[in-house]
């Protein structure tokens, strides 16, 4: 599937990918590309970021593995444990 067509670099440094190639790959306005310099020239690869929805800790905390079976610690107890850990690391 090799298609060779010509295009031109604009005064703004932009290159237009020919419509037939965009249609073949399903690329639409706003498509991002990774640009890689190779020995043969420039390689453009479509960039497909993961479109995972934004979540909060409370939405995903249930999937976290834990082994602690005791009573949950208070913020004060956690702060004390952190402070003690810092002190222990300095001794």
PDB file of N, CA and C in Angstrom:
ATOM      1  N   UNK A   1       0.846  -1.174   0.000  1.00  0.00           N
ATOM      2  CA  UNK A   1       0.000   0.000   0.000  1.00  0.00           C
ATOM      3  C   UNK A   1       0.891   1.237   0.000  1.00  0.00           C
ATOM      4  N   UNK A   2       1.645   1.446  -1.013  1.00  0.00           N
ATOM      5  CA  UNK A   2       2.494   2.625  -1.077  1.00  0.00           C
ATOM      6  C   UNK A   2       1.883   3.611  -2.057  1.00  0.00           C
ATOM      7  N   UNK A   3       1.623   4.800  -1.561  1.00  0.00           N
ATOM      8  CA  UNK A   3       1.067   5.863  -2.386  1.00  0.00           C
ATOM      9  C   UNK A   3       2.042   7.029  -2.341  1.00  0.00           C
ATOM     10  N   UNK A   4       2.505   7.457  -3.497  1.00  0.00           N
ATOM     11  CA  UNK A   4       3.440   8.571  -3.550  1.00  0.00           C
ATOM     12  C   UNK A   4       2.741   9.754  -4.203  1.00  0.00           C
ATOM     13  N   UNK A   5       2.694  10.837  -3.474  1.00  0.00           N
ATOM     14  CA  UNK A   5       2.118  12.081  -3.974  1.00  0.00           C
ATOM     15  C   UNK A   5       3.026  13.213  -3.540  1.00  0.00           C
ATOM     16  N   UNK A   6       2.898  14.348  -4.174  1.00  0.00           N
ATOM     17  CA  UNK A   6       3.726  15.490  -3.785  1.00  0.00           C
ATOM     18  C   UNK A   6       2.898  16.469  -2.979  1.00  0.00           C
ATOM     19  N   UNK A   7       3.601  17.231  -2.157  1.00  0.00           N
ATOM     20  CA  UNK A   7       2.982  18.295  -1.374  1.00  0.00           C
ATOM     21  C   UNK A   7       4.016  19.394  -1.238  1.00  0.00           C
ATOM     22  N   UNK A   8       3.664  20.481  -0.612  1.00  0.00           N
ATOM     23  CA  UNK A   8       4.549  21.634  -0.544  1.00  0.00           C
ATOM     24  C   UNK A   8       4.578  22.182   0.881  1.00  0.00           C
ATOM     25  N   UNK A   9       5.728  22.666   1.290  1.00  0.00           N
ATOM     26  CA  UNK A   9       5.898  23.299   2.592  1.00  0.00           C
ATOM     27  C   UNK A   9       5.444  24.746   2.482  1.00  0.00           C
ATOM     28  N   UNK A  10       4.532  25.156   3.366  1.00  0.00           N
ATOM     29  CA  UNK A  10       4.023  26.532   3.320  1.00  0.00           C
ATOM     30  C   UNK A  10       4.998  27.493   4.012  1.00  0.00           C
ATOM     31  N   UNK A  11       4.743  28.778   3.885  1.00  0.00           N
ATOM     32  CA  UNK A  11       5.585  29.785   4.536  1.00  0.00           C
ATOM     33  C   UNK A  11       5.490  29.690   6.062  1.00  0.00           C
ATOM     34  N   UNK A  12       4.452  29.023   6.565  1.00  0.00           N
ATOM     35  CA  UNK A  12       4.291  28.833   8.005  1.00  0.00           C
ATOM     36  C   UNK A  12       4.880  27.503   8.479  1.00  0.00           C
ATOM     37  N   UNK A  13       5.558  26.789   7.577  1.00  0.00           N
ATOM     38  CA  UNK A  13       6.168  25.519   7.949  1.00  0.00           C
ATOM     39  C   UNK A  13       5.180  24.367   7.966  1.00  0.00           C
ATOM     40  N   UNK A  14       4.034  24.514   7.332  1.00  0.00           N
ATOM     41  CA  UNK A  14       3.009  23.471   7.323  1.00  0.00           C
ATOM     42  C   UNK A  14       3.069  22.662   6.029  1.00  0.00           C
ATOM     43  N   UNK A  15       2.756  21.386   6.168  1.00  0.00           N
ATOM     44  CA  UNK A  15       2.672  20.493   5.014  1.00  0.00           C
ATOM     45  C   UNK A  15       1.262  19.935   4.974  1.00  0.00           C
ATOM     46  N   UNK A  16       0.659  19.950   3.805  1.00  0.00           N
ATOM     47  CA  UNK A  16      -0.680  19.394   3.651  1.00  0.00           C
ATOM     48  C   UNK A  16      -0.546  17.939   3.228  1.00  0.00           C
ATOM     49  N   UNK A  17      -1.169  17.064   3.993  1.00  0.00           N
ATOM     50  CA  UNK A  17      -1.209  15.657   3.605  1.00  0.00           C
ATOM     51  C   UNK A  17      -2.354  15.520   2.605  1.00  0.00           C
ATOM     52  N   UNK A  18      -2.081  14.973   1.428  1.00  0.00           N
ATOM     53  CA  UNK A  18      -3.116  14.892   0.395  1.00  0.00           C
ATOM     54  C   UNK A  18      -4.403  14.223   0.895  1.00  0.00           C
ATOM     55  N   UNK A  19      -5.527  14.714   0.397  1.00  0.00           N
ATOM     56  CA  UNK A  19      -6.842  14.271   0.843  1.00  0.00           C
ATOM     57  C   UNK A  19      -7.030  12.760   0.714  1.00  0.00           C
ATOM     58  N   UNK A  20      -6.547  12.169  -0.381  1.00  0.00           N
ATOM     59  CA  UNK A  20      -6.715  10.723  -0.583  1.00  0.00           C
ATOM     60  C   UNK A  20      -6.034   9.927   0.535  1.00  0.00           C
ATOM     61  N   UNK A  21      -4.873  10.389   0.971  1.00  0.00           N
ATOM     62  CA  UNK A  21      -4.153   9.694   2.048  1.00  0.00           C
ATOM     63  C   UNK A  21      -4.873   9.904   3.376  1.00  0.00           C
ATOM     64  N   UNK A  22      -5.338  11.135   3.642  1.00  0.00           N
ATOM     65  CA  UNK A  22      -6.089  11.396   4.882  1.00  0.00           C
ATOM     66  C   UNK A  22      -7.338  10.529   4.938  1.00  0.00           C
ATOM     67  N   UNK A  23      -8.046  10.428   3.813  1.00  0.00           N
ATOM     68  CA  UNK A  23      -9.274   9.628   3.768  1.00  0.00           C
ATOM     69  C   UNK A  23      -8.962   8.146   3.967  1.00  0.00           C
ATOM     70  N   UNK A  24      -7.890   7.665   3.360  1.00  0.00           N
ATOM     71  CA  UNK A  24      -7.504   6.266   3.470  1.00  0.00           C
ATOM     72  C   UNK A  24      -7.257   5.869   4.919  1.00  0.00           C
ATOM     73  N   UNK A  25      -6.659   6.774   5.674  1.00  0.00           N
ATOM     74  CA  UNK A  25      -6.326   6.480   7.072  1.00  0.00           C
ATOM     75  C   UNK A  25      -7.378   6.985   8.064  1.00  0.00           C
ATOM     76  N   UNK A  26      -8.356   7.708   7.592  1.00  0.00           N
ATOM     77  CA  UNK A  26      -9.396   8.224   8.484  1.00  0.00           C
ATOM     78  C   UNK A  26      -8.930   9.387   9.342  1.00  0.00           C
ATOM     79  N   UNK A  27      -7.922  10.127   8.873  1.00  0.00           N
ATOM     80  CA  UNK A  27      -7.417  11.268   9.629  1.00  0.00           C
ATOM     81  C   UNK A  27      -8.295  12.474   9.373  1.00  0.00           C
ATOM     82  N   UNK A  28      -8.676  13.141  10.446  1.00  0.00           N
ATOM     83  CA  UNK A  28      -9.517  14.333  10.347  1.00  0.00           C
ATOM     84  C   UNK A  28      -8.774  15.535  10.916  1.00  0.00           C
ATOM     85  N   UNK A  29      -9.383  16.700  10.781  1.00  0.00           N
ATOM     86  CA  UNK A  29      -8.788  17.927  11.319  1.00  0.00           C
ATOM     87  C   UNK A  29      -8.433  17.720  12.787  1.00  0.00           C
ATOM     88  N   UNK A  30      -7.265  18.187  13.164  1.00  0.00           N
ATOM     89  CA  UNK A  30      -6.825  18.078  14.555  1.00  0.00           C
ATOM     90  C   UNK A  30      -6.021  16.828  14.864  1.00  0.00           C
ATOM     91  N   UNK A  31      -5.924  15.914  13.899  1.00  0.00           N
ATOM     92  CA  UNK A  31      -5.133  14.693  14.128  1.00  0.00           C
ATOM     93  C   UNK A  31      -3.705  15.081  14.493  1.00  0.00           C
ATOM     94  N   UNK A  32      -3.186  14.512  15.571  1.00  0.00           N
ATOM     95  CA  UNK A  32      -1.812  14.777  15.979  1.00  0.00           C
ATOM     96  C   UNK A  32      -0.897  13.684  15.441  1.00  0.00           C
ATOM     97  N   UNK A  33       0.350  14.054  15.187  1.00  0.00           N
ATOM     98  CA  UNK A  33       1.327  13.124  14.660  1.00  0.00           C
ATOM     99  C   UNK A  33       2.611  13.183  15.467  1.00  0.00           C
ATOM    100  N   UNK A  34       3.282  12.046  15.568  1.00  0.00           N
ATOM    101  CA  UNK A  34       4.637  11.994  16.086  1.00  0.00           C
ATOM    102  C   UNK A  34       5.544  12.201  14.886  1.00  0.00           C
ATOM    103  N   UNK A  35       6.537  13.072  15.008  1.00  0.00           N
ATOM    104  CA  UNK A  35       7.455  13.373  13.913  1.00  0.00           C
ATOM    105  C   UNK A  35       8.811  12.806  14.290  1.00  0.00           C
ATOM    106  N   UNK A  36       9.314  11.903  13.446  1.00  0.00           N
ATOM    107  CA  UNK A  36      10.578  11.237  13.747  1.00  0.00           C
ATOM    108  C   UNK A  36      11.528  11.399  12.568  1.00  0.00           C
ATOM    109  N   UNK A  37      12.743  11.800  12.885  1.00  0.00           N
ATOM    110  CA  UNK A  37      13.761  11.914  11.844  1.00  0.00           C
ATOM    111  C   UNK A  37      14.430  10.555  11.687  1.00  0.00           C
ATOM    112  N   UNK A  38      14.472  10.039  10.455  1.00  0.00           N
ATOM    113  CA  UNK A  38      15.088   8.740  10.175  1.00  0.00           C
ATOM    114  C   UNK A  38      16.177   8.928   9.125  1.00  0.00           C
ATOM    115  N   UNK A  39      16.911   7.867   8.846  1.00  0.00           N
ATOM    116  CA  UNK A  39      17.945   7.940   7.810  1.00  0.00           C
ATOM    117  C   UNK A  39      17.335   8.210   6.436  1.00  0.00           C
ATOM    118  N   UNK A  40      16.104   7.728   6.217  1.00  0.00           N
ATOM    119  CA  UNK A  40      15.450   7.912   4.921  1.00  0.00           C
ATOM    120  C   UNK A  40      14.742   9.262   4.796  1.00  0.00           C
ATOM    121  N   UNK A  41      14.523   9.956   5.908  1.00  0.00           N
ATOM    122  CA  UNK A  41      13.817  11.235   5.878  1.00  0.00           C
ATOM    123  C   UNK A  41      12.973  11.404   7.128  1.00  0.00           C
ATOM    124  N   UNK A  42      11.845  12.050   6.977  1.00  0.00           N
ATOM    125  CA  UNK A  42      10.949  12.315   8.092  1.00  0.00           C
ATOM    126  C   UNK A  42       9.815  11.294   8.089  1.00  0.00           C
ATOM    127  N   UNK A  43       9.533  10.725   9.247  1.00  0.00           N
ATOM    128  CA  UNK A  43       8.461   9.761   9.403  1.00  0.00           C
ATOM    129  C   UNK A  43       7.377  10.390  10.259  1.00  0.00           C
ATOM    130  N   UNK A  44       6.137  10.403   9.756  1.00  0.00           N
ATOM    131  CA  UNK A  44       4.985  10.878  10.524  1.00  0.00           C
ATOM    132  C   UNK A  44       4.174   9.665  10.944  1.00  0.00           C
ATOM    133  N   UNK A  45       3.899   9.579  12.230  1.00  0.00           N
ATOM    134  CA  UNK A  45       3.042   8.505  12.731  1.00  0.00           C
ATOM    135  C   UNK A  45       1.894   9.126  13.492  1.00  0.00           C
ATOM    136  N   UNK A  46       0.664   8.667  13.257  1.00  0.00           N
ATOM    137  CA  UNK A  46      -0.463   9.230  13.995  1.00  0.00           C
ATOM    138  C   UNK A  46      -0.281   8.996  15.485  1.00  0.00           C
ATOM    139  N   UNK A  47      -0.544  10.033  16.250  1.00  0.00           N
ATOM    140  CA  UNK A  47      -0.453   9.960  17.704  1.00  0.00           C
ATOM    141  C   UNK A  47      -1.851   9.687  18.226  1.00  0.00           C
ATOM    142  N   UNK A  48      -1.970   8.620  18.976  1.00  0.00           N
ATOM    143  CA  UNK A  48      -3.272   8.242  19.516  1.00  0.00           C
ATOM    144  C   UNK A  48      -3.187   8.230  21.032  1.00  0.00           C
ATOM    145  N   UNK A  49      -3.428   9.380  21.662  1.00  0.00           N
ATOM    146  CA  UNK A  49      -3.379   9.403  23.126  1.00  0.00           C
ATOM    147  C   UNK A  49      -4.523   8.571  23.690  1.00  0.00           C
ATOM    148  N   UNK A  50      -4.305   8.038  24.861  1.00  0.00           N
ATOM    149  CA  UNK A  50      -5.383   7.279  25.484  1.00  0.00           C
ATOM    150  C   UNK A  50      -6.471   8.249  25.906  1.00  0.00           C
ATOM    151  N   UNK A  51      -7.658   7.923  25.577  1.00  0.00           N
ATOM    152  CA  UNK A  51      -8.796   8.785  25.905  1.00  0.00           C
ATOM    153  C   UNK A  51      -9.523   8.246  27.127  1.00  0.00           C
ATOM    154  N   UNK A  52      -8.761   7.996  28.168  1.00  0.00           N
ATOM    155  CA  UNK A  52      -9.375   7.517  29.391  1.00  0.00           C
ATOM    156  C   UNK A  52     -10.095   8.675  30.073  1.00  0.00           C
ATOM    157  N   UNK A  53     -11.280   8.424  30.579  1.00  0.00           N
ATOM    158  CA  UNK A  53     -12.001   9.513  31.255  1.00  0.00           C
ATOM    159  C   UNK A  53     -11.297   9.907  32.541  1.00  0.00           C
ATOM    160  N   UNK A  54     -11.395  11.169  32.896  1.00  0.00           N
ATOM    161  CA  UNK A  54     -10.823  11.633  34.151  1.00  0.00           C
ATOM    162  C   UNK A  54     -11.622  11.027  35.298  1.00  0.00           C
ATOM    163  N   UNK A  55     -10.905  10.595  36.324  1.00  0.00           N
ATOM    164  CA  UNK A  55     -11.555   9.989  37.477  1.00  0.00           C
ATOM    165  C   UNK A  55     -11.013  10.607  38.748  1.00  0.00           C
ATOM    166  N   UNK A  56     -11.716  10.378  39.818  1.00  0.00           N
ATOM    167  CA  UNK A  56     -11.271  10.830  41.127  1.00  0.00           C
ATOM    168  C   UNK A  56     -10.809   9.620  41.922  1.00  0.00           C
ATOM    169  N   UNK A  57     -10.081   9.859  42.986  1.00  0.00           N
ATOM    170  CA  UNK A  57      -9.604   8.767  43.819  1.00  0.00           C
ATOM    171  C   UNK A  57     -10.773   7.953  44.361  1.00  0.00           C
ATOM    172  N   UNK A  58     -11.840   8.610  44.756  1.00  0.00           N
ATOM    173  CA  UNK A  58     -12.975   7.877  45.324  1.00  0.00           C
ATOM    174  C   UNK A  58     -13.631   6.953  44.296  1.00  0.00           C
ATOM    175  N   UNK A  59     -13.506   7.273  43.017  1.00  0.00           N
ATOM    176  CA  UNK A  59     -14.089   6.421  41.985  1.00  0.00           C
ATOM    177  C   UNK A  59     -13.271   5.155  41.756  1.00  0.00           C
ATOM    178  N   UNK A  60     -11.975   5.197  42.015  1.00  0.00           N
ATOM    179  CA  UNK A  60     -11.129   4.044  41.726  1.00  0.00           C
ATOM    180  C   UNK A  60     -10.542   3.373  42.962  1.00  0.00           C
ATOM    181  N   UNK A  61     -10.733   3.948  44.141  1.00  0.00           N
ATOM    182  CA  UNK A  61     -10.124   3.409  45.354  1.00  0.00           C
ATOM    183  C   UNK A  61     -10.564   1.979  45.627  1.00  0.00           C
ATOM    184  N   UNK A  62     -11.756   1.614  45.249  1.00  0.00           N
ATOM    185  CA  UNK A  62     -12.252   0.264  45.489  1.00  0.00           C
ATOM    186  C   UNK A  62     -11.466  -0.805  44.756  1.00  0.00           C
ATOM    187  N   UNK A  63     -10.766  -0.436  43.690  1.00  0.00           N
ATOM    188  CA  UNK A  63     -10.010  -1.440  42.933  1.00  0.00           C
ATOM    189  C   UNK A  63      -8.596  -1.613  43.472  1.00  0.00           C
ATOM    190  N   UNK A  64      -8.204  -0.810  44.447  1.00  0.00           N
ATOM    191  CA  UNK A  64      -6.860  -0.922  45.018  1.00  0.00           C
ATOM    192  C   UNK A  64      -6.791  -2.117  45.953  1.00  0.00           C
ATOM    193  N   UNK A  65      -5.723  -2.886  45.820  1.00  0.00           N
ATOM    194  CA  UNK A  65      -5.534  -4.026  46.711  1.00  0.00           C
ATOM    195  C   UNK A  65      -5.000  -3.527  48.041  1.00  0.00           C
ATOM    196  N   UNK A  66      -5.461  -4.115  49.112  1.00  0.00           N
ATOM    197  CA  UNK A  66      -4.945  -3.756  50.431  1.00  0.00           C
ATOM    198  C   UNK A  66      -5.004  -4.995  51.322  1.00  0.00           C
ATOM    199  N   UNK A  67      -4.130  -4.996  52.322  1.00  0.00           N
ATOM    200  CA  UNK A  67      -4.076  -6.125  53.255  1.00  0.00           C
ATOM    201  C   UNK A  67      -4.420  -5.695  54.671  1.00  0.00           C
ATOM    202  N   UNK A  68      -4.493  -4.410  54.913  1.00  0.00           N
ATOM    203  CA  UNK A  68      -4.692  -3.919  56.269  1.00  0.00           C
ATOM    204  C   UNK A  68      -6.094  -4.272  56.749  1.00  0.00           C
ATOM    205  N   UNK A  69      -6.175  -4.944  57.880  1.00  0.00           N
ATOM    206  CA  UNK A  69      -7.470  -5.381  58.395  1.00  0.00           C
ATOM    207  C   UNK A  69      -7.882  -4.624  59.663  1.00  0.00           C
ATOM    208  N   UNK A  70      -7.034  -3.711  60.126  1.00  0.00           N
ATOM    209  CA  UNK A  70      -7.330  -2.996  61.361  1.00  0.00           C
ATOM    210  C   UNK A  70      -8.219  -1.792  61.136  1.00  0.00           C
ATOM    211  N   UNK A  71      -8.329  -1.014  62.188  1.00  0.00           N
ATOM    212  CA  UNK A  71      -9.128   0.203  62.152  1.00  0.00           C
ATOM    213  C   UNK A  71      -8.422   1.237  61.276  1.00  0.00           C
ATOM    214  N   UNK A  72      -9.140   1.962  60.426  1.00  0.00           N
ATOM    215  CA  UNK A  72      -8.502   2.995  59.593  1.00  0.00           C
ATOM    216  C   UNK A  72      -7.806   4.040  60.462  1.00  0.00           C
ATOM    217  N   UNK A  73      -6.671   4.524  59.982  1.00  0.00           N
ATOM    218  CA  UNK A  73      -5.904   5.534  60.711  1.00  0.00           C
ATOM    219  C   UNK A  73      -6.500   6.917  60.481  1.00  0.00           C
ATOM    220  N   UNK A  74      -6.372   7.772  61.481  1.00  0.00           N
ATOM    221  CA  UNK A  74      -6.811   9.161  61.345  1.00  0.00           C
ATOM    222  C   UNK A  74      -5.710   9.954  60.653  1.00  0.00           C
ATOM    223  N   UNK A  75      -6.021  11.136  60.198  1.00  0.00           N
ATOM    224  CA  UNK A  75      -5.008  11.996  59.592  1.00  0.00           C
ATOM    225  C   UNK A  75      -3.897  12.309  60.581  1.00  0.00           C
ATOM    226  N   UNK A  76      -4.269  12.517  61.840  1.00  0.00           N
ATOM    227  CA  UNK A  76      -3.267  12.804  62.862  1.00  0.00           C
ATOM    228  C   UNK A  76      -2.317  11.621  63.039  1.00  0.00           C
ATOM    229  N   UNK A  77      -2.862  10.406  63.049  1.00  0.00           N
ATOM    230  CA  UNK A  77      -2.020   9.219  63.190  1.00  0.00           C
ATOM    231  C   UNK A  77      -1.091   9.064  61.985  1.00  0.00           C
ATOM    232  N   UNK A  78      -1.601   9.366  60.803  1.00  0.00           N
ATOM    233  CA  UNK A  78      -0.756   9.285  59.606  1.00  0.00           C
ATOM    234  C   UNK A  78       0.345  10.327  59.654  1.00  0.00           C
ATOM    235  N   UNK A  79       0.009  11.563  60.077  1.00  0.00           N
ATOM    236  CA  UNK A  79       1.020  12.616  60.190  1.00  0.00           C
ATOM    237  C   UNK A  79       2.107  12.214  61.192  1.00  0.00           C
ATOM    238  N   UNK A  80       1.689  11.629  62.327  1.00  0.00           N
ATOM    239  CA  UNK A  80       2.657  11.184  63.329  1.00  0.00           C
ATOM    240  C   UNK A  80       3.575  10.107  62.759  1.00  0.00           C
ATOM    241  N   UNK A  81       3.014   9.159  62.000  1.00  0.00           N
ATOM    242  CA  UNK A  81       3.818   8.087  61.419  1.00  0.00           C
ATOM    243  C   UNK A  81       4.806   8.643  60.396  1.00  0.00           C
ATOM    244  N   UNK A  82       4.379   9.615  59.624  1.00  0.00           N
ATOM    245  CA  UNK A  82       5.268  10.237  58.642  1.00  0.00           C
ATOM    246  C   UNK A  82       6.403  10.970  59.349  1.00  0.00           C
ATOM    247  N   UNK A  83       6.043  11.737  60.384  1.00  0.00           N
ATOM    248  CA  UNK A  83       7.057  12.478  61.144  1.00  0.00           C
ATOM    249  C   UNK A  83       8.053  11.512  61.774  1.00  0.00           C
ATOM    250  N   UNK A  84       7.556  10.399  62.323  1.00  0.00           N
ATOM    251  CA  UNK A  84       8.446   9.408  62.936  1.00  0.00           C
ATOM    252  C   UNK A  84       9.359   8.793  61.884  1.00  0.00           C
ATOM    253  N   UNK A  85       8.835   8.527  60.705  1.00  0.00           N
ATOM    254  CA  UNK A  85       9.645   7.979  59.621  1.00  0.00           C
ATOM    255  C   UNK A  85      10.756   8.924  59.217  1.00  0.00           C
ATOM    256  N   UNK A  86      10.443  10.217  59.191  1.00  0.00           N
ATOM    257  CA  UNK A  86      11.464  11.219  58.853  1.00  0.00           C
ATOM    258  C   UNK A  86      12.535  11.259  59.934  1.00  0.00           C
ATOM    259  N   UNK A  87      12.107  11.264  61.210  1.00  0.00           N
ATOM    260  CA  UNK A  87      13.063  11.256  62.305  1.00  0.00           C
ATOM    261  C   UNK A  87      13.953  10.035  62.247  1.00  0.00           C
ATOM    262  N   UNK A  88      13.349   8.875  61.999  1.00  0.00           N
ATOM    263  CA  UNK A  88      14.132   7.624  61.942  1.00  0.00           C
ATOM    264  C   UNK A  88      15.155   7.656  60.807  1.00  0.00           C
ATOM    265  N   UNK A  89      14.797   8.287  59.688  1.00  0.00           N
ATOM    266  CA  UNK A  89      15.734   8.315  58.567  1.00  0.00           C
ATOM    267  C   UNK A  89      16.904   9.256  58.818  1.00  0.00           C
ATOM    268  N   UNK A  90      16.776  10.198  59.766  1.00  0.00           N
ATOM    269  CA  UNK A  90      17.854  11.138  60.070  1.00  0.00           C
ATOM    270  C   UNK A  90      18.770  10.621  61.170  1.00  0.00           C
ATOM    271  N   UNK A  91      18.413   9.536  61.817  1.00  0.00           N
ATOM    272  CA  UNK A  91      19.219   8.994  62.926  1.00  0.00           C
ATOM    273  C   UNK A  91      20.135   7.912  62.468  1.00  0.00           C
TER     274      UNK A  91
END
